[in-house]
Amino acid sequence: MSMPAFPDPKTILTRDEAISAILISIALEETALSHIINAEGEKIQRALEKINASADMRTVLEVNQSVAAMLEQITDMQLVLTNKLNKALRCIQKDSTEKPPCKNAQRPPCTAKPFP
């Protein structure tokens, strides 16, 4: 997986582009967490293979504690991401409850480059 491309920090984003960027960042973080969870599952599988090949129970318990600690950190991160998502959704909902602009109102043209 390649690194995401972020807009130039000097670029001024519109409100919609900023909300979109926030949602994309949440999705990228969720993807990263899923990779970590998968790696932790593979770690457990390797430990179980070793126990069948005469590894001691202490090693298996250490692996279990390590995985449990990582999953606890992932759970904490999920709470942060949920909070971030809820705030972004509130911004979107706030937009939908606002009155539509006057038909004669002129919006300035968007000068921001599209977000890749």
C-alpha atoms as a PDB file:
ATOM      1  CA  MET A   1       0.000   0.000   0.000  1.00  0.00           C
ATOM      2  CA  SER A   2       1.412   3.362  -0.988  1.00  0.00           C
ATOM      3  CA  MET A   3       1.486   6.417   1.202  1.00  0.00           C
ATOM      4  CA  PRO A   4      -1.480   8.757   0.817  1.00  0.00           C
ATOM      5  CA  ALA A   5      -0.966  12.042  -0.991  1.00  0.00           C
ATOM      6  CA  PHE A   6      -1.861  15.040   1.116  1.00  0.00           C
ATOM      7  CA  PRO A   7      -2.558  18.505  -0.239  1.00  0.00           C
ATOM      8  CA  ASP A   8       0.044  21.208   0.082  1.00  0.00           C
ATOM      9  CA  PRO A   9      -0.357  22.779   3.551  1.00  0.00           C
ATOM     10  CA  LYS A  10      -0.410  26.214   1.915  1.00  0.00           C
ATOM     11  CA  THR A  11      -3.503  25.240  -0.084  1.00  0.00           C
ATOM     12  CA  ILE A  12      -6.708  26.590   1.350  1.00  0.00           C
ATOM     13  CA  LEU A  13      -9.403  23.911   1.355  1.00  0.00           C
ATOM     14  CA  THR A  14     -13.098  24.583   1.178  1.00  0.00           C
ATOM     15  CA  ARG A  15     -15.231  23.387   4.070  1.00  0.00           C
ATOM     16  CA  ASP A  16     -16.468  20.408   2.030  1.00  0.00           C
ATOM     17  CA  GLU A  17     -12.919  19.495   1.004  1.00  0.00           C
ATOM     18  CA  ALA A  18     -11.780  19.685   4.622  1.00  0.00           C
ATOM     19  CA  ILE A  19     -14.606  17.427   5.798  1.00  0.00           C
ATOM     20  CA  SER A  20     -13.815  15.028   2.965  1.00  0.00           C
ATOM     21  CA  ALA A  21     -10.142  15.004   3.974  1.00  0.00           C
ATOM     22  CA  ILE A  22     -11.127  14.218   7.568  1.00  0.00           C
ATOM     23  CA  LEU A  23     -13.309  11.313   6.444  1.00  0.00           C
ATOM     24  CA  ILE A  24     -10.506  10.001   4.238  1.00  0.00           C
ATOM     25  CA  SER A  25      -8.059  10.214   7.145  1.00  0.00           C
ATOM     26  CA  ILE A  26     -10.448   8.174   9.310  1.00  0.00           C
ATOM     27  CA  ALA A  27     -10.723   5.532   6.591  1.00  0.00           C
ATOM     28  CA  LEU A  28      -6.931   5.359   6.257  1.00  0.00           C
ATOM     29  CA  GLU A  29      -6.504   4.980  10.008  1.00  0.00           C
ATOM     30  CA  GLU A  30      -9.138   2.233  10.087  1.00  0.00           C
ATOM     31  CA  THR A  31      -7.282   0.433   7.288  1.00  0.00           C
ATOM     32  CA  ALA A  32      -4.020   0.683   9.219  1.00  0.00           C
ATOM     33  CA  LEU A  33      -5.693  -0.701  12.350  1.00  0.00           C
ATOM     34  CA  SER A  34      -7.083  -3.633  10.374  1.00  0.00           C
ATOM     35  CA  HIS A  35      -3.546  -4.469   9.217  1.00  0.00           C
ATOM     36  CA  ILE A  36      -2.310  -4.372  12.812  1.00  0.00           C
ATOM     37  CA  ILE A  37      -5.144  -6.650  13.947  1.00  0.00           C
ATOM     38  CA  ASN A  38      -4.294  -9.073  11.150  1.00  0.00           C
ATOM     39  CA  ALA A  39      -0.627  -9.060  12.191  1.00  0.00           C
ATOM     40  CA  GLU A  40      -1.609  -9.793  15.783  1.00  0.00           C
ATOM     41  CA  GLY A  41      -3.684 -12.753  14.589  1.00  0.00           C
ATOM     42  CA  GLU A  42      -0.692 -14.060  12.669  1.00  0.00           C
ATOM     43  CA  LYS A  43       1.425 -13.649  15.795  1.00  0.00           C
ATOM     44  CA  ILE A  44      -0.990 -15.876  17.716  1.00  0.00           C
ATOM     45  CA  GLN A  45      -0.955 -18.447  14.915  1.00  0.00           C
ATOM     46  CA  ARG A  46       2.861 -18.613  15.031  1.00  0.00           C
ATOM     47  CA  ALA A  47       2.791 -19.036  18.793  1.00  0.00           C
ATOM     48  CA  LEU A  48       0.310 -21.877  18.496  1.00  0.00           C
ATOM     49  CA  GLU A  49       2.466 -23.540  15.852  1.00  0.00           C
ATOM     50  CA  LYS A  50       5.400 -23.345  18.254  1.00  0.00           C
ATOM     51  CA  ILE A  51       3.431 -24.855  21.113  1.00  0.00           C
ATOM     52  CA  ASN A  52       2.824 -27.853  18.891  1.00  0.00           C
ATOM     53  CA  ALA A  53       6.557 -27.901  18.184  1.00  0.00           C
ATOM     54  CA  SER A  54       7.496 -27.982  21.904  1.00  0.00           C
ATOM     55  CA  ALA A  55       7.450 -24.286  22.866  1.00  0.00           C
ATOM     56  CA  ASP A  56       6.841 -23.680  26.539  1.00  0.00           C
ATOM     57  CA  MET A  57       3.609 -22.264  27.868  1.00  0.00           C
ATOM     58  CA  ARG A  58       5.377 -19.142  29.155  1.00  0.00           C
ATOM     59  CA  THR A  59       6.084 -18.044  25.581  1.00  0.00           C
ATOM     60  CA  VAL A  60       2.444 -18.505  24.625  1.00  0.00           C
ATOM     61  CA  LEU A  61       1.324 -16.470  27.649  1.00  0.00           C
ATOM     62  CA  GLU A  62       3.775 -13.677  26.770  1.00  0.00           C
ATOM     63  CA  VAL A  63       2.425 -13.584  23.223  1.00  0.00           C
ATOM     64  CA  ASN A  64      -1.118 -13.494  24.593  1.00  0.00           C
ATOM     65  CA  GLN A  65      -0.270 -10.559  26.886  1.00  0.00           C
ATOM     66  CA  SER A  66       1.374  -8.729  24.004  1.00  0.00           C
ATOM     67  CA  VAL A  67      -1.650  -9.207  21.745  1.00  0.00           C
ATOM     68  CA  ALA A  68      -4.044  -8.185  24.524  1.00  0.00           C
ATOM     69  CA  ALA A  69      -2.063  -4.979  25.127  1.00  0.00           C
ATOM     70  CA  MET A  70      -2.089  -4.146  21.413  1.00  0.00           C
ATOM     71  CA  LEU A  71      -5.834  -4.789  21.142  1.00  0.00           C
ATOM     72  CA  GLU A  72      -6.401  -2.505  24.121  1.00  0.00           C
ATOM     73  CA  GLN A  73      -4.493   0.260  22.311  1.00  0.00           C
ATOM     74  CA  ILE A  74      -6.513  -0.387  19.146  1.00  0.00           C
ATOM     75  CA  THR A  75      -9.738  -0.134  21.155  1.00  0.00           C
ATOM     76  CA  ASP A  76      -8.599   3.233  22.513  1.00  0.00           C
ATOM     77  CA  MET A  77      -7.814   4.390  18.985  1.00  0.00           C
ATOM     78  CA  GLN A  78     -11.258   3.247  17.819  1.00  0.00           C
ATOM     79  CA  LEU A  79     -12.840   5.497  20.435  1.00  0.00           C
ATOM     80  CA  VAL A  80     -10.814   8.447  19.147  1.00  0.00           C
ATOM     81  CA  LEU A  81     -11.793   7.679  15.542  1.00  0.00           C
ATOM     82  CA  THR A  82     -15.457   7.308  16.503  1.00  0.00           C
ATOM     83  CA  ASN A  83     -15.351  10.720  18.168  1.00  0.00           C
ATOM     84  CA  LYS A  84     -13.636  12.206  15.104  1.00  0.00           C
ATOM     85  CA  LEU A  85     -16.259  10.666  12.802  1.00  0.00           C
ATOM     86  CA  ASN A  86     -19.156  11.895  14.940  1.00  0.00           C
ATOM     87  CA  LYS A  87     -17.796  15.451  14.838  1.00  0.00           C
ATOM     88  CA  ALA A  88     -17.381  15.290  11.049  1.00  0.00           C
ATOM     89  CA  LEU A  89     -20.926  13.939  10.679  1.00  0.00           C
ATOM     90  CA  ARG A  90     -22.266  16.760  12.851  1.00  0.00           C
ATOM     91  CA  CYS A  91     -20.659  19.230  10.433  1.00  0.00           C
ATOM     92  CA  ILE A  92     -22.334  17.506   7.501  1.00  0.00           C
ATOM     93  CA  GLN A  93     -25.717  17.428   9.283  1.00  0.00           C
ATOM     94  CA  LYS A  94     -25.345  21.083  10.228  1.00  0.00           C
ATOM     95  CA  ASP A  95     -24.842  21.902   6.539  1.00  0.00           C
ATOM     96  CA  SER A  96     -28.031  20.051   5.569  1.00  0.00           C
ATOM     97  CA  THR A  97     -30.145  21.937   8.140  1.00  0.00           C
ATOM     98  CA  GLU A  98     -28.942  25.392   7.081  1.00  0.00           C
ATOM     99  CA  LYS A  99     -31.100  27.441   4.754  1.00  0.00           C
ATOM    100  CA  PRO A 100     -30.103  27.213   1.098  1.00  0.00           C
ATOM    101  CA  PRO A 101     -28.298  30.279  -0.247  1.00  0.00           C
ATOM    102  CA  CYS A 102     -30.259  32.935  -2.054  1.00  0.00           C
ATOM    103  CA  LYS A 103     -30.599  32.204  -5.780  1.00  0.00           C
ATOM    104  CA  ASN A 104     -28.925  35.499  -6.655  1.00  0.00           C
ATOM    105  CA  ALA A 105     -26.013  35.003  -4.266  1.00  0.00           C
ATOM    106  CA  GLN A 106     -22.662  34.675  -5.984  1.00  0.00           C
ATOM    107  CA  ARG A 107     -20.187  32.142  -4.654  1.00  0.00           C
ATOM    108  CA  PRO A 108     -16.532  32.858  -5.190  1.00  0.00           C
ATOM    109  CA  PRO A 109     -14.910  30.327  -7.513  1.00  0.00           C
ATOM    110  CA  CYS A 110     -12.963  27.538  -5.838  1.00  0.00           C
ATOM    111  CA  THR A 111      -9.247  28.053  -6.284  1.00  0.00           C
ATOM    112  CA  ALA A 112      -8.163  24.991  -4.342  1.00  0.00           C
ATOM    113  CA  LYS A 113      -6.621  22.104  -6.220  1.00  0.00           C
ATOM    114  CA  PRO A 114      -8.657  18.882  -6.160  1.00  0.00           C
ATOM    115  CA  PHE A 115      -7.790  16.475  -3.352  1.00  0.00           C
ATOM    116  CA  PRO A 116      -6.260  13.299  -4.836  1.00  0.00           C
END
